[in-house]
Amino acid sequence: MSRRPLIAGNWKMNGLRADAKALASEIANLKKSDTADNCDLLVCPPFTVMETVGTATEGSGVFLGAQTCHTAESGAHTGDISPVMLKDAGCTHVILGHSERRTDHGESDADVQAQSIAAHTNDLIAVICVGETESERESGNALQVVREQIIGSVPAGASAQNTVIAYEPVWAIGTGKVATPDDVQTMHADIRNTLKDKLGEDAANGMRILYGGSMKPANAKELLALADVDGGLIGGASLKSEDFWAIAQSCPSN
């Protein structure tokens, strides 16, 4: 099944207004000048520059996303952001369950599933992250760990229209280490099979599965050519417009 690639930039806790405006504007201009149009682009900046980035990318075809959300629409949740607020700010997507959220904030599979349901309720596309640690991979448990995360984190109502899966081996995030293409394809195929068991064949075959973990221009083309890799969730390389664009240009032609 043909799945349109998605290249998503997770800016994490980086970017003041001037730099964010410049970066977003550069990406927007590159997208507007693109004649190939072989992938979707998504940028997920910090909350403080979301309006700045949204204004800079408006009308360019670059989607705007957030890096997390609360399950509630409003209320006494100091420091949190609701999916209603994200939608109101112009977001179309939200990253959920990133390993840094799971580690730094103790988010569980159940938390991620609840956040995903809240996102879906408010017409946001949930980008649900899964991935194993280095010790889990070395012990031979990588596939089982990720299967359990998929089963626990992806809600029953997930579909190809409202959900994207991002596989990021924890040991490869920001380290420069990259899983081998064979390992990536094996994991992505197993994720798709797990999704088939949970959601049915149609939903699983249509759902995009992104690879993250030190994807950069030098390795993007090889990774994006794999059968079950439908794009990338990009960290550090998304903070340089030329690198982010080079990765996007590495997507297979339609």
C-alpha atoms as a PDB file:
ATOM      1  CA  MET A   1       0.000   0.000   0.000  1.00  0.00           C
ATOM      2  CA  SER A   2       1.272   3.473  -0.876  1.00  0.00           C
ATOM      3  CA  ARG A   3       1.765   5.667   2.187  1.00  0.00           C
ATOM      4  CA  ARG A   4       2.797   9.305   1.734  1.00  0.00           C
ATOM      5  CA  PRO A   5       6.032   9.925   3.677  1.00  0.00           C
ATOM      6  CA  LEU A   6       5.996  12.277   6.656  1.00  0.00           C
ATOM      7  CA  ILE A   7       9.116  14.107   7.834  1.00  0.00           C
ATOM      8  CA  ALA A   8       8.489  15.528  11.305  1.00  0.00           C
ATOM      9  CA  GLY A   9      10.813  17.862  13.164  1.00  0.00           C
ATOM     10  CA  ASN A  10      10.854  17.616  16.965  1.00  0.00           C
ATOM     11  CA  TRP A  11      12.534  20.833  18.095  1.00  0.00           C
ATOM     12  CA  LYS A  12      12.391  19.709  21.747  1.00  0.00           C
ATOM     13  CA  MET A  13      13.404  22.485  24.216  1.00  0.00           C
ATOM     14  CA  ASN A  14      15.165  24.614  21.626  1.00  0.00           C
ATOM     15  CA  GLY A  15      14.378  27.953  20.053  1.00  0.00           C
ATOM     16  CA  LEU A  16      13.768  31.552  21.052  1.00  0.00           C
ATOM     17  CA  ARG A  17      11.397  33.661  18.977  1.00  0.00           C
ATOM     18  CA  ALA A  18      13.895  35.192  16.551  1.00  0.00           C
ATOM     19  CA  ASP A  19      15.635  31.896  15.789  1.00  0.00           C
ATOM     20  CA  ALA A  20      12.339  30.012  15.589  1.00  0.00           C
ATOM     21  CA  LYS A  21      10.908  32.552  13.147  1.00  0.00           C
ATOM     22  CA  ALA A  22      13.988  32.343  10.953  1.00  0.00           C
ATOM     23  CA  LEU A  23      14.061  28.542  10.939  1.00  0.00           C
ATOM     24  CA  ALA A  24      10.335  28.198  10.308  1.00  0.00           C
ATOM     25  CA  SER A  25      10.453  30.769   7.518  1.00  0.00           C
ATOM     26  CA  GLU A  26      13.333  28.973   5.811  1.00  0.00           C
ATOM     27  CA  ILE A  27      11.478  25.642   5.966  1.00  0.00           C
ATOM     28  CA  ALA A  28       8.263  27.241   4.725  1.00  0.00           C
ATOM     29  CA  ASN A  29      10.020  28.864   1.769  1.00  0.00           C
ATOM     30  CA  LEU A  30      11.681  25.580   0.828  1.00  0.00           C
ATOM     31  CA  LYS A  31       8.345  23.784   0.971  1.00  0.00           C
ATOM     32  CA  LYS A  32       6.604  26.429  -1.138  1.00  0.00           C
ATOM     33  CA  SER A  33       9.305  26.158  -3.801  1.00  0.00           C
ATOM     34  CA  ASP A  34       9.210  22.357  -3.888  1.00  0.00           C
ATOM     35  CA  THR A  35       8.034  21.019  -7.235  1.00  0.00           C
ATOM     36  CA  ALA A  36       8.460  17.341  -6.344  1.00  0.00           C
ATOM     37  CA  ASP A  37       6.082  17.453  -3.345  1.00  0.00           C
ATOM     38  CA  ASN A  38       7.005  13.900  -2.372  1.00  0.00           C
ATOM     39  CA  CYS A  39       6.331  14.124   1.375  1.00  0.00           C
ATOM     40  CA  ASP A  40       4.466  15.927   4.152  1.00  0.00           C
ATOM     41  CA  LEU A  41       6.429  18.220   6.478  1.00  0.00           C
ATOM     42  CA  LEU A  42       5.624  18.762  10.158  1.00  0.00           C
ATOM     43  CA  VAL A  43       7.394  20.980  12.688  1.00  0.00           C
ATOM     44  CA  CYS A  44       6.846  20.636  16.438  1.00  0.00           C
ATOM     45  CA  PRO A  45       8.312  23.642  18.265  1.00  0.00           C
ATOM     46  CA  PRO A  46       8.186  24.499  21.983  1.00  0.00           C
ATOM     47  CA  PHE A  47       4.907  26.007  23.188  1.00  0.00           C
ATOM     48  CA  THR A  48       6.479  29.454  23.670  1.00  0.00           C
ATOM     49  CA  VAL A  49       7.171  29.900  19.950  1.00  0.00           C
ATOM     50  CA  MET A  50       4.180  28.055  18.549  1.00  0.00           C
ATOM     51  CA  GLU A  51       2.383  31.210  17.446  1.00  0.00           C
ATOM     52  CA  THR A  52       5.581  32.552  15.871  1.00  0.00           C
ATOM     53  CA  VAL A  53       6.168  29.324  13.968  1.00  0.00           C
ATOM     54  CA  GLY A  54       2.516  28.996  12.978  1.00  0.00           C
ATOM     55  CA  THR A  55       2.531  32.491  11.489  1.00  0.00           C
ATOM     56  CA  ALA A  56       5.790  31.849   9.623  1.00  0.00           C
ATOM     57  CA  THR A  57       4.541  28.592   8.084  1.00  0.00           C
ATOM     58  CA  GLU A  58       0.948  29.632   7.360  1.00  0.00           C
ATOM     59  CA  GLY A  59      -0.071  28.806   3.816  1.00  0.00           C
ATOM     60  CA  SER A  60       3.149  26.928   3.067  1.00  0.00           C
ATOM     61  CA  GLY A  61       1.838  23.395   3.450  1.00  0.00           C
ATOM     62  CA  VAL A  62       4.046  22.786   6.505  1.00  0.00           C
ATOM     63  CA  PHE A  63       1.992  21.291   9.332  1.00  0.00           C
ATOM     64  CA  LEU A  64       2.278  22.542  12.921  1.00  0.00           C
ATOM     65  CA  GLY A  65       2.467  20.159  15.868  1.00  0.00           C
ATOM     66  CA  ALA A  66       3.120  20.089  19.606  1.00  0.00           C
ATOM     67  CA  GLN A  67       5.379  17.907  21.723  1.00  0.00           C
ATOM     68  CA  THR A  68       2.795  16.663  24.238  1.00  0.00           C
ATOM     69  CA  CYS A  69      -0.652  17.390  25.631  1.00  0.00           C
ATOM     70  CA  HIS A  70      -2.763  16.775  28.714  1.00  0.00           C
ATOM     71  CA  THR A  71      -5.805  14.512  28.678  1.00  0.00           C
ATOM     72  CA  ALA A  72      -8.189  17.180  30.018  1.00  0.00           C
ATOM     73  CA  GLU A  73      -9.610  20.023  27.944  1.00  0.00           C
ATOM     74  CA  SER A  74      -9.166  22.551  30.761  1.00  0.00           C
ATOM     75  CA  GLY A  75      -8.822  22.753  34.519  1.00  0.00           C
ATOM     76  CA  ALA A  76      -6.404  22.924  37.425  1.00  0.00           C
ATOM     77  CA  HIS A  77      -3.335  21.498  35.688  1.00  0.00           C
ATOM     78  CA  THR A  78      -0.570  24.038  36.196  1.00  0.00           C
ATOM     79  CA  GLY A  79       2.037  23.961  33.466  1.00  0.00           C
ATOM     80  CA  ASP A  80       0.065  21.658  31.164  1.00  0.00           C
ATOM     81  CA  ILE A  81      -1.446  22.304  27.738  1.00  0.00           C
ATOM     82  CA  SER A  82      -4.747  20.836  26.593  1.00  0.00           C
ATOM     83  CA  PRO A  83      -5.521  19.435  23.136  1.00  0.00           C
ATOM     84  CA  VAL A  84      -8.218  22.102  22.745  1.00  0.00           C
ATOM     85  CA  MET A  85      -5.551  24.775  23.225  1.00  0.00           C
ATOM     86  CA  LEU A  86      -3.306  23.097  20.657  1.00  0.00           C
ATOM     87  CA  LYS A  87      -6.111  22.961  18.120  1.00  0.00           C
ATOM     88  CA  ASP A  88      -6.898  26.605  18.803  1.00  0.00           C
ATOM     89  CA  ALA A  89      -3.226  27.478  18.232  1.00  0.00           C
ATOM     90  CA  GLY A  90      -3.331  25.917  14.771  1.00  0.00           C
ATOM     91  CA  CYS A  91      -1.857  22.501  15.507  1.00  0.00           C
ATOM     92  CA  THR A  92      -2.774  19.478  13.435  1.00  0.00           C
ATOM     93  CA  HIS A  93      -0.488  16.960  15.181  1.00  0.00           C
ATOM     94  CA  VAL A  94       0.893  16.209  18.629  1.00  0.00           C
ATOM     95  CA  ILE A  95       3.838  13.992  19.603  1.00  0.00           C
ATOM     96  CA  LEU A  96       2.917  11.668  22.461  1.00  0.00           C
ATOM     97  CA  GLY A  97       4.932   9.197  24.537  1.00  0.00           C
ATOM     98  CA  HIS A  98       8.388  10.326  23.447  1.00  0.00           C
ATOM     99  CA  SER A  99      11.012   8.472  25.460  1.00  0.00           C
ATOM    100  CA  GLU A 100      12.090  11.744  27.076  1.00  0.00           C
ATOM    101  CA  ARG A 101       8.526  12.263  28.323  1.00  0.00           C
ATOM    102  CA  ARG A 102       8.324   8.660  29.492  1.00  0.00           C
ATOM    103  CA  THR A 103      11.652   8.990  31.331  1.00  0.00           C
ATOM    104  CA  ASP A 104      11.588  12.587  32.580  1.00  0.00           C
ATOM    105  CA  HIS A 105       7.881  12.727  33.457  1.00  0.00           C
ATOM    106  CA  GLY A 106       7.078   9.084  34.170  1.00  0.00           C
ATOM    107  CA  GLU A 107       4.486   8.788  31.411  1.00  0.00           C
ATOM    108  CA  SER A 108       3.212   5.223  31.095  1.00  0.00           C
ATOM    109  CA  ASP A 109       1.633   3.390  28.174  1.00  0.00           C
ATOM    110  CA  ALA A 110      -1.757   4.029  29.791  1.00  0.00           C
ATOM    111  CA  ASP A 111      -0.993   7.754  30.012  1.00  0.00           C
ATOM    112  CA  VAL A 112       0.003   7.859  26.350  1.00  0.00           C
ATOM    113  CA  GLN A 113      -3.149   6.024  25.326  1.00  0.00           C
ATOM    114  CA  ALA A 114      -5.307   8.478  27.298  1.00  0.00           C
ATOM    115  CA  GLN A 115      -3.485  11.431  25.728  1.00  0.00           C
ATOM    116  CA  SER A 116      -3.990   9.908  22.281  1.00  0.00           C
ATOM    117  CA  ILE A 117      -7.712   9.540  22.862  1.00  0.00           C
ATOM    118  CA  ALA A 118      -7.873  13.193  23.976  1.00  0.00           C
ATOM    119  CA  ALA A 119      -5.957  14.217  20.862  1.00  0.00           C
ATOM    120  CA  HIS A 120      -8.285  12.235  18.596  1.00  0.00           C
ATOM    121  CA  THR A 121     -11.338  13.726  20.304  1.00  0.00           C
ATOM    122  CA  ASN A 122     -10.058  17.161  19.351  1.00  0.00           C
ATOM    123  CA  ASP A 123      -9.197  16.242  15.749  1.00  0.00           C
ATOM    124  CA  LEU A 124      -5.443  16.114  16.311  1.00  0.00           C
ATOM    125  CA  ILE A 125      -3.235  13.456  14.740  1.00  0.00           C
ATOM    126  CA  ALA A 126      -1.368  11.576  17.471  1.00  0.00           C
ATOM    127  CA  VAL A 127       2.277  10.769  16.718  1.00  0.00           C
ATOM    128  CA  ILE A 128       2.780   7.937  19.205  1.00  0.00           C
ATOM    129  CA  CYS A 129       6.401   7.136  20.067  1.00  0.00           C
ATOM    130  CA  VAL A 130       7.769   3.724  21.002  1.00  0.00           C
ATOM    131  CA  GLY A 131      11.274   2.327  21.385  1.00  0.00           C
ATOM    132  CA  GLU A 132      13.582   0.144  23.429  1.00  0.00           C
ATOM    133  CA  THR A 133      16.614   0.977  25.566  1.00  0.00           C
ATOM    134  CA  GLU A 134      20.087  -0.298  24.774  1.00  0.00           C
ATOM    135  CA  SER A 135      19.917  -2.898  27.552  1.00  0.00           C
ATOM    136  CA  GLU A 136      16.571  -4.152  26.270  1.00  0.00           C
ATOM    137  CA  ARG A 137      18.008  -4.580  22.788  1.00  0.00           C
ATOM    138  CA  GLU A 138      21.168  -6.278  24.050  1.00  0.00           C
ATOM    139  CA  SER A 139      19.084  -8.724  26.075  1.00  0.00           C
ATOM    140  CA  GLY A 140      17.120  -9.690  22.950  1.00  0.00           C
ATOM    141  CA  ASN A 141      13.847  -8.169  24.171  1.00  0.00           C
ATOM    142  CA  ALA A 142      13.563  -5.234  21.763  1.00  0.00           C
ATOM    143  CA  LEU A 143      10.679  -6.602  19.690  1.00  0.00           C
ATOM    144  CA  GLN A 144       8.671  -7.658  22.751  1.00  0.00           C
ATOM    145  CA  VAL A 145       9.218  -4.331  24.516  1.00  0.00           C
ATOM    146  CA  VAL A 146       7.966  -2.379  21.511  1.00  0.00           C
ATOM    147  CA  ARG A 147       5.038  -4.747  20.980  1.00  0.00           C
ATOM    148  CA  GLU A 148       3.914  -4.122  24.551  1.00  0.00           C
ATOM    149  CA  GLN A 149       4.254  -0.367  24.078  1.00  0.00           C
ATOM    150  CA  ILE A 150       2.122  -0.516  20.938  1.00  0.00           C
ATOM    151  CA  ILE A 151      -0.529  -2.623  22.641  1.00  0.00           C
ATOM    152  CA  GLY A 152      -0.608  -0.352  25.695  1.00  0.00           C
ATOM    153  CA  SER A 153      -0.199   3.052  24.055  1.00  0.00           C
ATOM    154  CA  VAL A 154      -2.312   2.889  20.881  1.00  0.00           C
ATOM    155  CA  PRO A 155      -6.056   3.307  21.488  1.00  0.00           C
ATOM    156  CA  ALA A 156      -8.647   1.026  19.916  1.00  0.00           C
ATOM    157  CA  GLY A 157      -9.952   3.941  17.845  1.00  0.00           C
ATOM    158  CA  ALA A 158      -6.630   4.617  16.157  1.00  0.00           C
ATOM    159  CA  SER A 159      -6.651   4.728  12.365  1.00  0.00           C
ATOM    160  CA  ALA A 160      -4.384   5.690   9.506  1.00  0.00           C
ATOM    161  CA  GLN A 161      -6.142   9.055   9.458  1.00  0.00           C
ATOM    162  CA  ASN A 162      -5.646  10.006  13.108  1.00  0.00           C
ATOM    163  CA  THR A 163      -2.453   8.204  14.175  1.00  0.00           C
ATOM    164  CA  VAL A 164       1.205   7.970  13.209  1.00  0.00           C
ATOM    165  CA  ILE A 165       3.672   5.652  14.941  1.00  0.00           C
ATOM    166  CA  ALA A 166       7.267   6.773  15.508  1.00  0.00           C
ATOM    167  CA  TYR A 167       9.849   4.114  16.342  1.00  0.00           C
ATOM    168  CA  GLU A 168      12.842   5.635  18.108  1.00  0.00           C
ATOM    169  CA  PRO A 169      15.345   3.276  19.697  1.00  0.00           C
ATOM    170  CA  VAL A 170      16.140   5.131  22.916  1.00  0.00           C
ATOM    171  CA  TRP A 171      19.836   4.368  22.611  1.00  0.00           C
ATOM    172  CA  ALA A 172      20.010   6.127  19.220  1.00  0.00           C
ATOM    173  CA  ILE A 173      18.344   9.419  20.176  1.00  0.00           C
ATOM    174  CA  GLY A 174      20.896  12.207  20.035  1.00  0.00           C
ATOM    175  CA  THR A 175      23.818   9.784  20.311  1.00  0.00           C
ATOM    176  CA  GLY A 176      24.821   9.530  16.680  1.00  0.00           C
ATOM    177  CA  LYS A 177      24.169   5.789  16.829  1.00  0.00           C
ATOM    178  CA  VAL A 178      21.765   4.431  14.234  1.00  0.00           C
ATOM    179  CA  ALA A 179      20.124   1.041  14.006  1.00  0.00           C
ATOM    180  CA  THR A 180      21.136  -0.955  10.943  1.00  0.00           C
ATOM    181  CA  PRO A 181      18.687  -0.889   8.013  1.00  0.00           C
ATOM    182  CA  ASP A 182      17.954  -4.579   8.598  1.00  0.00           C
ATOM    183  CA  ASP A 183      17.144  -3.935  12.256  1.00  0.00           C
ATOM    184  CA  VAL A 184      14.972  -0.951  11.365  1.00  0.00           C
ATOM    185  CA  GLN A 185      12.970  -2.865   8.751  1.00  0.00           C
ATOM    186  CA  THR A 186      12.569  -5.846  11.087  1.00  0.00           C
ATOM    187  CA  MET A 187      11.212  -3.611  13.844  1.00  0.00           C
ATOM    188  CA  HIS A 188       8.924  -1.614  11.563  1.00  0.00           C
ATOM    189  CA  ALA A 189       7.486  -4.778  10.027  1.00  0.00           C
ATOM    190  CA  ASP A 190       6.881  -6.197  13.501  1.00  0.00           C
ATOM    191  CA  ILE A 191       5.182  -2.958  14.575  1.00  0.00           C
ATOM    192  CA  ARG A 192       2.890  -3.186  11.546  1.00  0.00           C
ATOM    193  CA  ASN A 193       2.046  -6.796  12.356  1.00  0.00           C
ATOM    194  CA  THR A 194       1.263  -5.820  15.959  1.00  0.00           C
ATOM    195  CA  LEU A 195      -0.983  -3.032  14.665  1.00  0.00           C
ATOM    196  CA  LYS A 196      -2.756  -5.566  12.432  1.00  0.00           C
ATOM    197  CA  ASP A 197      -3.502  -7.722  15.457  1.00  0.00           C
ATOM    198  CA  LYS A 198      -4.767  -4.718  17.428  1.00  0.00           C
ATOM    199  CA  LEU A 199      -6.519  -2.595  14.802  1.00  0.00           C
ATOM    200  CA  GLY A 200      -7.066  -4.768  11.748  1.00  0.00           C
ATOM    201  CA  GLU A 201      -5.246  -5.068   8.456  1.00  0.00           C
ATOM    202  CA  ASP A 202      -6.644  -1.978   6.734  1.00  0.00           C
ATOM    203  CA  ALA A 203      -5.695   0.404   9.544  1.00  0.00           C
ATOM    204  CA  ALA A 204      -2.255  -1.129   9.957  1.00  0.00           C
ATOM    205  CA  ASN A 205      -1.443  -1.156   6.253  1.00  0.00           C
ATOM    206  CA  GLY A 206      -2.397   2.508   5.909  1.00  0.00           C
ATOM    207  CA  MET A 207      -0.733   3.795   9.075  1.00  0.00           C
ATOM    208  CA  ARG A 208       2.578   5.613   8.715  1.00  0.00           C
ATOM    209  CA  ILE A 209       5.490   4.351  10.824  1.00  0.00           C
ATOM    210  CA  LEU A 210       8.362   6.813  11.155  1.00  0.00           C
ATOM    211  CA  TYR A 211      11.952   6.085  12.121  1.00  0.00           C
ATOM    212  CA  GLY A 212      13.739   8.364  14.569  1.00  0.00           C
ATOM    213  CA  GLY A 213      17.080   8.170  16.273  1.00  0.00           C
ATOM    214  CA  SER A 214      19.857  10.167  14.605  1.00  0.00           C
ATOM    215  CA  MET A 215      18.373  10.225  11.106  1.00  0.00           C
ATOM    216  CA  LYS A 216      20.374  12.749   9.097  1.00  0.00           C
ATOM    217  CA  PRO A 217      21.055  13.608   5.445  1.00  0.00           C
ATOM    218  CA  ALA A 218      23.850  11.048   5.196  1.00  0.00           C
ATOM    219  CA  ASN A 219      21.673   8.049   6.113  1.00  0.00           C
ATOM    220  CA  ALA A 220      18.151   9.248   5.299  1.00  0.00           C
ATOM    221  CA  LYS A 221      17.897   7.898   1.761  1.00  0.00           C
ATOM    222  CA  GLU A 222      18.803   4.345   2.772  1.00  0.00           C
ATOM    223  CA  LEU A 223      16.434   4.340   5.744  1.00  0.00           C
ATOM    224  CA  LEU A 224      13.534   5.969   3.885  1.00  0.00           C
ATOM    225  CA  ALA A 225      13.800   3.379   1.093  1.00  0.00           C
ATOM    226  CA  LEU A 226      12.887   0.551   3.480  1.00  0.00           C
ATOM    227  CA  ALA A 227       9.504  -1.037   2.832  1.00  0.00           C
ATOM    228  CA  ASP A 228       7.908  -0.237   6.193  1.00  0.00           C
ATOM    229  CA  VAL A 229       9.591   3.108   6.896  1.00  0.00           C
ATOM    230  CA  ASP A 230       7.179   5.904   6.037  1.00  0.00           C
ATOM    231  CA  GLY A 231       9.219   8.925   7.100  1.00  0.00           C
ATOM    232  CA  GLY A 232      11.256  10.204  10.001  1.00  0.00           C
ATOM    233  CA  LEU A 233      10.901  11.880  13.370  1.00  0.00           C
ATOM    234  CA  ILE A 234      13.908  14.173  13.323  1.00  0.00           C
ATOM    235  CA  GLY A 235      15.544  15.727  16.362  1.00  0.00           C
ATOM    236  CA  GLY A 236      18.826  17.607  16.032  1.00  0.00           C
ATOM    237  CA  ALA A 237      18.810  17.709  12.234  1.00  0.00           C
ATOM    238  CA  SER A 238      15.432  19.474  12.272  1.00  0.00           C
ATOM    239  CA  LEU A 239      17.071  22.554  13.813  1.00  0.00           C
ATOM    240  CA  LYS A 240      18.985  23.258  10.597  1.00  0.00           C
ATOM    241  CA  SER A 241      16.747  23.974   7.635  1.00  0.00           C
ATOM    242  CA  GLU A 242      19.242  22.638   5.097  1.00  0.00           C
ATOM    243  CA  ASP A 243      19.570  19.306   6.940  1.00  0.00           C
ATOM    244  CA  PHE A 244      15.830  18.968   7.505  1.00  0.00           C
ATOM    245  CA  TRP A 245      15.169  19.739   3.852  1.00  0.00           C
ATOM    246  CA  ALA A 246      17.846  17.320   2.666  1.00  0.00           C
ATOM    247  CA  ILE A 247      16.156  14.546   4.650  1.00  0.00           C
ATOM    248  CA  ALA A 248      12.797  15.460   3.133  1.00  0.00           C
ATOM    249  CA  GLN A 249      14.302  15.387  -0.342  1.00  0.00           C
ATOM    250  CA  SER A 250      15.559  11.863   0.384  1.00  0.00           C
ATOM    251  CA  CYS A 251      12.018  10.487   0.445  1.00  0.00           C
ATOM    252  CA  PRO A 252      11.163   8.155  -2.436  1.00  0.00           C
ATOM    253  CA  SER A 253       9.251   9.769  -5.264  1.00  0.00           C
ATOM    254  CA  ASN A 254       5.530   9.074  -5.473  1.00  0.00           C
END
